[in-house]
Amino acid sequence: MVAVVPLRDGSSGKSRLAHALDPASRSRLVAVLARHVVGTLLASPGVERVVVVTSDPRFTWRALRDVVVDAGAGAGDDGLPLLTEDADRLRIVLQPADRPGLDAAVDVGREIATQDGSARLLVAHADLPALTTADVGALLAEDAPVVVATDRLGSGTNLLALDPPASAPSSTGLLSESGSERQELRARREAGFRFRFGPHSRAAHVAEAERLGLRAVVVQRPGTAVDLDTVDDWGELPADVRAAVGLHVPALRDHDA
């Protein structure tokens, strides 16, 4: 299982919170949430690697540095911080400028995740402050080629798990049987699973699975259902999660109920 996390940058994200947070606070929020999600994925049994696709690798490294730096080990002989074993499992990749957008970022991550062969794929948004390793484990335990973890409104997609062949950018030789229906299904699968993130993406991803002739299941858990894009989202978070995020972004605490 390879997890792909798309992350834009520290300046343009969380625009819907602009009325509540200044630019510096929004940048800190993006970093805090990404650090939590990536750290949770790295700590989850079954996740072998994490690929973060971003338009700003420098910001992303600063945001994720604490996830892979051994804080108790001090510096090495070269004066650089010592890294944990998880550092080898984390890869930060620049999203090409000619491939903009969320779906394209996930496609880039999928290409990297599968460049050495087929792999299970887990796409996770970088703003899930309540995500736990138990949530990730429950998602991976679902027995279906396509698993959609929807948001609290039931319309979006916060995590998406794909088994081969759905996880492959393209696939060949999936079916050897003759017959027009088999050939048609083979052609559809060779086109690959097309990501449909954005409004109403839950239904779009389920429809994409149906197009490929694959079974899809939809799950909703507290840790996968709530992202953090609006003040209303903040109010839906558990008190302990708000307290943890609020330590780094104090202005959000002004909106506690």
Protein backbone atom coordinates (compact mmCIF):
# COMPACT_ATOMS: atom_id res chain seq x y z
CA MET A 1 0.00 0.00 0.00
CA VAL A 2 1.34 3.39 -1.03
CA ALA A 3 -0.38 6.52 0.26
CA VAL A 4 -0.55 9.61 -1.94
CA VAL A 5 -1.15 13.00 -0.32
CA PRO A 6 -1.69 16.02 -2.57
CA LEU A 7 -0.63 19.33 -1.00
CA ARG A 8 -0.66 22.69 -2.78
CA ASP A 9 1.42 25.20 -0.81
CA GLY A 10 1.38 27.28 2.34
CA SER A 11 -0.03 30.47 0.85
CA SER A 12 -3.05 29.63 -1.30
CA GLY A 13 -4.69 26.98 0.87
CA LYS A 14 -7.61 27.37 3.26
CA SER A 15 -9.00 30.39 1.44
CA ARG A 16 -12.46 29.77 2.89
CA LEU A 17 -11.01 30.56 6.30
CA ALA A 18 -9.61 33.92 5.16
CA HIS A 19 -12.26 35.82 7.12
CA ALA A 20 -11.20 34.03 10.31
CA LEU A 21 -7.43 33.61 9.90
CA ASP A 22 -4.65 35.85 8.60
CA PRO A 23 -2.28 34.44 5.93
CA ALA A 24 0.36 33.37 8.47
CA SER A 25 -2.23 31.48 10.53
CA ARG A 26 -3.59 29.77 7.45
CA SER A 27 -0.10 28.70 6.45
CA ARG A 28 0.49 27.26 9.93
CA LEU A 29 -2.82 25.44 9.72
CA VAL A 30 -1.93 23.85 6.39
CA ALA A 31 1.39 22.68 7.87
CA VAL A 32 -0.14 21.34 11.09
CA LEU A 33 -2.82 19.36 9.27
CA ALA A 34 -0.41 17.94 6.69
CA ARG A 35 2.01 16.91 9.44
CA HIS A 36 -0.78 15.09 11.28
CA VAL A 37 -2.05 13.25 8.21
CA VAL A 38 1.38 12.18 6.97
CA GLY A 39 2.46 11.15 10.47
CA THR A 40 -0.70 9.08 10.88
CA LEU A 41 -0.18 7.36 7.54
CA LEU A 42 3.44 6.52 8.33
CA ALA A 43 2.35 5.07 11.68
CA SER A 44 -0.40 2.95 10.13
CA PRO A 45 0.32 -0.78 9.68
CA GLY A 46 -0.02 -1.72 6.03
CA VAL A 47 1.15 1.62 4.62
CA GLU A 48 4.57 1.00 3.11
CA ARG A 49 5.33 4.44 1.69
CA VAL A 50 3.88 7.96 1.55
CA VAL A 51 4.23 10.16 -1.53
CA VAL A 52 3.41 13.86 -1.08
CA VAL A 53 2.82 15.72 -4.34
CA THR A 54 3.13 19.47 -3.95
CA SER A 55 3.69 22.69 -5.87
CA ASP A 56 5.95 23.93 -3.05
CA PRO A 57 8.47 21.29 -1.90
CA ARG A 58 10.33 23.76 0.33
CA PHE A 59 7.23 24.61 2.35
CA THR A 60 6.25 20.94 2.44
CA TRP A 61 9.62 19.85 3.80
CA ARG A 62 9.44 22.50 6.53
CA ALA A 63 5.92 21.34 7.38
CA LEU A 64 6.82 17.64 7.50
CA ARG A 65 10.33 17.91 8.89
CA ASP A 66 9.29 17.00 12.43
CA VAL A 67 7.68 13.78 11.18
CA VAL A 68 11.00 12.30 10.10
CA VAL A 69 13.59 14.10 12.25
CA ASP A 70 14.77 12.30 15.40
CA ALA A 71 14.34 15.14 17.89
CA GLY A 72 16.10 13.29 20.70
CA ALA A 73 19.20 12.32 18.75
CA GLY A 74 20.65 15.77 18.16
CA ALA A 75 22.75 16.40 15.07
CA GLY A 76 25.07 14.13 13.16
CA ASP A 77 28.78 14.63 12.53
CA ASP A 78 27.95 16.84 9.55
CA GLY A 79 25.79 19.11 11.70
CA LEU A 80 22.59 17.99 10.00
CA PRO A 81 19.67 16.57 11.98
CA LEU A 82 19.42 12.82 12.22
CA LEU A 83 16.45 11.28 10.48
CA THR A 84 14.24 8.43 11.64
CA GLU A 85 13.68 5.25 9.66
CA ASP A 86 10.43 6.77 8.42
CA ALA A 87 12.44 9.24 6.33
CA ASP A 88 13.09 6.49 3.78
CA ARG A 89 9.35 5.89 3.51
CA LEU A 90 8.46 9.51 2.76
CA ARG A 91 8.94 11.10 -0.64
CA ILE A 92 8.12 14.72 -1.51
CA VAL A 93 7.52 15.27 -5.22
CA LEU A 94 7.13 18.49 -7.20
CA GLN A 95 3.88 18.72 -9.12
CA PRO A 96 4.72 19.78 -12.69
CA ALA A 97 3.49 23.25 -13.57
CA ASP A 98 1.93 21.91 -16.77
CA ARG A 99 -0.17 19.43 -14.78
CA PRO A 100 -2.13 21.68 -12.38
CA GLY A 101 -5.06 20.74 -10.19
CA LEU A 102 -5.96 18.17 -7.57
CA ASP A 103 -6.76 15.28 -9.89
CA ALA A 104 -3.50 15.81 -11.77
CA ALA A 105 -1.54 15.84 -8.50
CA VAL A 106 -3.03 12.50 -7.51
CA ASP A 107 -2.25 11.11 -10.96
CA VAL A 108 1.39 12.15 -10.52
CA GLY A 109 1.47 10.37 -7.17
CA ARG A 110 -0.08 7.25 -8.64
CA GLU A 111 2.52 7.14 -11.41
CA ILE A 112 5.32 7.32 -8.85
CA ALA A 113 3.67 4.80 -6.52
CA THR A 114 3.33 2.22 -9.30
CA GLN A 115 6.53 2.84 -11.26
CA ASP A 116 8.07 -0.35 -9.85
CA GLY A 117 4.95 -2.43 -10.38
CA SER A 118 1.36 -2.66 -9.26
CA ALA A 119 0.45 -1.52 -5.75
CA ARG A 120 -2.54 -0.75 -3.64
CA LEU A 121 -3.13 2.97 -3.54
CA LEU A 122 -4.54 5.16 -0.78
CA VAL A 123 -5.27 8.78 -1.61
CA ALA A 124 -5.63 10.97 1.49
CA HIS A 125 -6.40 14.66 1.71
CA ALA A 126 -3.91 16.62 3.79
CA ASP A 127 -6.47 18.31 6.04
CA LEU A 128 -7.99 15.57 8.20
CA PRO A 129 -7.21 16.61 11.80
CA ALA A 130 -9.09 13.72 13.42
CA LEU A 131 -7.61 10.94 11.28
CA THR A 132 -6.27 7.99 13.28
CA THR A 133 -4.36 4.82 12.47
CA ALA A 134 -7.55 2.91 13.34
CA ASP A 135 -9.39 4.82 10.61
CA VAL A 136 -6.70 3.95 8.08
CA GLY A 137 -6.73 0.32 9.17
CA ALA A 138 -10.51 0.10 8.85
CA LEU A 139 -10.34 1.52 5.34
CA LEU A 140 -7.65 -0.92 4.25
CA ALA A 141 -9.58 -3.84 5.74
CA GLU A 142 -12.56 -3.30 3.43
CA ASP A 143 -12.84 -6.12 0.90
CA ALA A 144 -13.50 -4.14 -2.28
CA PRO A 145 -11.36 -2.90 -5.18
CA VAL A 146 -12.56 0.68 -4.59
CA VAL A 147 -13.24 2.15 -1.14
CA VAL A 148 -14.51 5.70 -0.75
CA ALA A 149 -14.31 7.40 2.64
CA THR A 150 -16.80 10.21 2.37
CA ASP A 151 -16.99 13.53 4.19
CA ARG A 152 -19.47 14.36 6.95
CA LEU A 153 -22.05 15.53 4.40
CA GLY A 154 -21.77 12.29 2.44
CA SER A 155 -20.99 14.03 -0.85
CA GLY A 156 -17.20 14.37 -1.01
CA THR A 157 -14.22 12.00 -0.92
CA ASN A 158 -11.66 12.47 1.84
CA LEU A 159 -9.82 9.18 1.30
CA LEU A 160 -9.89 6.78 -1.61
CA ALA A 161 -8.40 3.28 -1.60
CA LEU A 162 -7.78 1.45 -4.88
CA ASP A 163 -6.64 -2.10 -5.46
CA PRO A 164 -5.05 -3.20 -8.74
CA PRO A 165 -6.10 -2.90 -11.52
CA ALA A 166 -7.95 0.27 -10.47
CA SER A 167 -4.79 1.69 -8.91
CA ALA A 168 -2.78 1.38 -12.14
CA PRO A 169 -2.39 4.41 -14.42
CA SER A 170 -3.08 2.04 -17.29
CA SER A 171 -3.26 -1.71 -17.51
CA THR A 172 -2.99 -4.31 -20.22
CA GLY A 173 -3.75 -7.96 -20.50
CA LEU A 174 -6.27 -7.93 -17.68
CA LEU A 175 -8.64 -10.26 -19.47
CA SER A 176 -7.73 -12.97 -21.94
CA GLU A 177 -11.22 -14.26 -22.63
CA SER A 178 -12.73 -13.68 -26.03
CA GLY A 179 -16.06 -12.01 -26.67
CA SER A 180 -17.18 -8.45 -27.34
CA GLU A 181 -18.32 -7.78 -23.77
CA ARG A 182 -15.00 -8.96 -22.33
CA GLN A 183 -13.09 -6.86 -24.85
CA GLU A 184 -15.18 -3.80 -24.02
CA LEU A 185 -14.55 -4.24 -20.29
CA ARG A 186 -10.86 -4.74 -20.97
CA ALA A 187 -10.72 -1.50 -22.96
CA ARG A 188 -12.43 0.42 -20.18
CA ARG A 189 -10.03 -0.92 -17.58
CA GLU A 190 -7.03 -0.14 -19.76
CA ALA A 191 -8.09 3.52 -19.63
CA GLY A 192 -7.48 3.46 -15.88
CA PHE A 193 -9.43 4.79 -12.91
CA ARG A 194 -10.06 8.49 -13.45
CA PHE A 195 -9.99 10.64 -10.35
CA ARG A 196 -12.98 12.90 -9.82
CA PHE A 197 -12.18 14.96 -6.74
CA GLY A 198 -14.28 18.04 -6.12
CA PRO A 199 -18.03 18.61 -5.54
CA HIS A 200 -20.05 15.38 -5.38
CA SER A 201 -16.90 13.29 -5.80
CA ARG A 202 -18.32 10.38 -3.78
CA ALA A 203 -20.94 9.66 -6.45
CA ALA A 204 -18.43 10.37 -9.23
CA HIS A 205 -15.89 7.89 -7.83
CA VAL A 206 -18.55 5.21 -7.34
CA ALA A 207 -19.67 5.78 -10.94
CA GLU A 208 -16.05 5.50 -12.08
CA ALA A 209 -15.78 2.12 -10.36
CA GLU A 210 -18.96 1.00 -12.08
CA ARG A 211 -17.55 2.13 -15.44
CA LEU A 212 -14.64 -0.24 -14.87
CA GLY A 213 -16.85 -3.07 -13.69
CA LEU A 214 -15.43 -2.88 -10.16
CA ARG A 215 -17.27 -3.07 -6.84
CA ALA A 216 -17.10 0.03 -4.66
CA VAL A 217 -18.02 0.50 -1.02
CA VAL A 218 -18.57 3.78 0.83
CA VAL A 219 -17.51 4.20 4.45
CA GLN A 220 -17.79 7.04 6.91
CA ARG A 221 -15.89 7.22 10.17
CA PRO A 222 -15.43 10.16 12.55
CA GLY A 223 -11.75 10.45 11.71
CA THR A 224 -12.23 10.32 7.96
CA ALA A 225 -15.41 12.36 7.70
CA VAL A 226 -14.26 15.76 8.95
CA ASP A 227 -11.80 17.92 7.07
CA LEU A 228 -11.07 21.54 8.00
CA ASP A 229 -12.03 24.06 5.34
CA THR A 230 -14.57 26.24 7.17
CA VAL A 231 -15.48 27.49 10.62
CA ASP A 232 -18.39 25.02 10.56
CA ASP A 233 -15.89 22.20 10.06
CA TRP A 234 -13.97 23.47 13.11
CA GLY A 235 -17.12 23.21 15.20
CA GLU A 236 -17.60 19.56 14.14
CA LEU A 237 -14.21 18.46 15.47
CA PRO A 238 -13.88 16.69 18.83
CA ALA A 239 -12.73 18.93 21.66
CA ASP A 240 -9.37 17.18 22.00
CA VAL A 241 -8.65 17.64 18.29
CA ARG A 242 -9.56 21.33 18.47
CA ALA A 243 -7.26 21.70 21.46
CA ALA A 244 -4.34 20.08 19.62
CA VAL A 245 -4.76 22.19 16.49
CA GLY A 246 -5.47 25.31 18.52
CA LEU A 247 -2.05 25.09 20.17
CA HIS A 248 -0.51 25.93 16.79
CA VAL A 249 -3.28 28.15 15.40
CA PRO A 250 -4.62 30.08 18.43
CA ALA A 251 -6.96 32.23 16.33
CA LEU A 252 -9.15 29.19 15.71
CA ARG A 253 -9.92 28.97 19.40
CA ASP A 254 -11.93 32.18 19.09
CA HIS A 255 -14.50 30.09 17.22
CA ASP A 256 -14.95 27.39 19.86
CA ALA A 257 -18.57 26.87 20.77
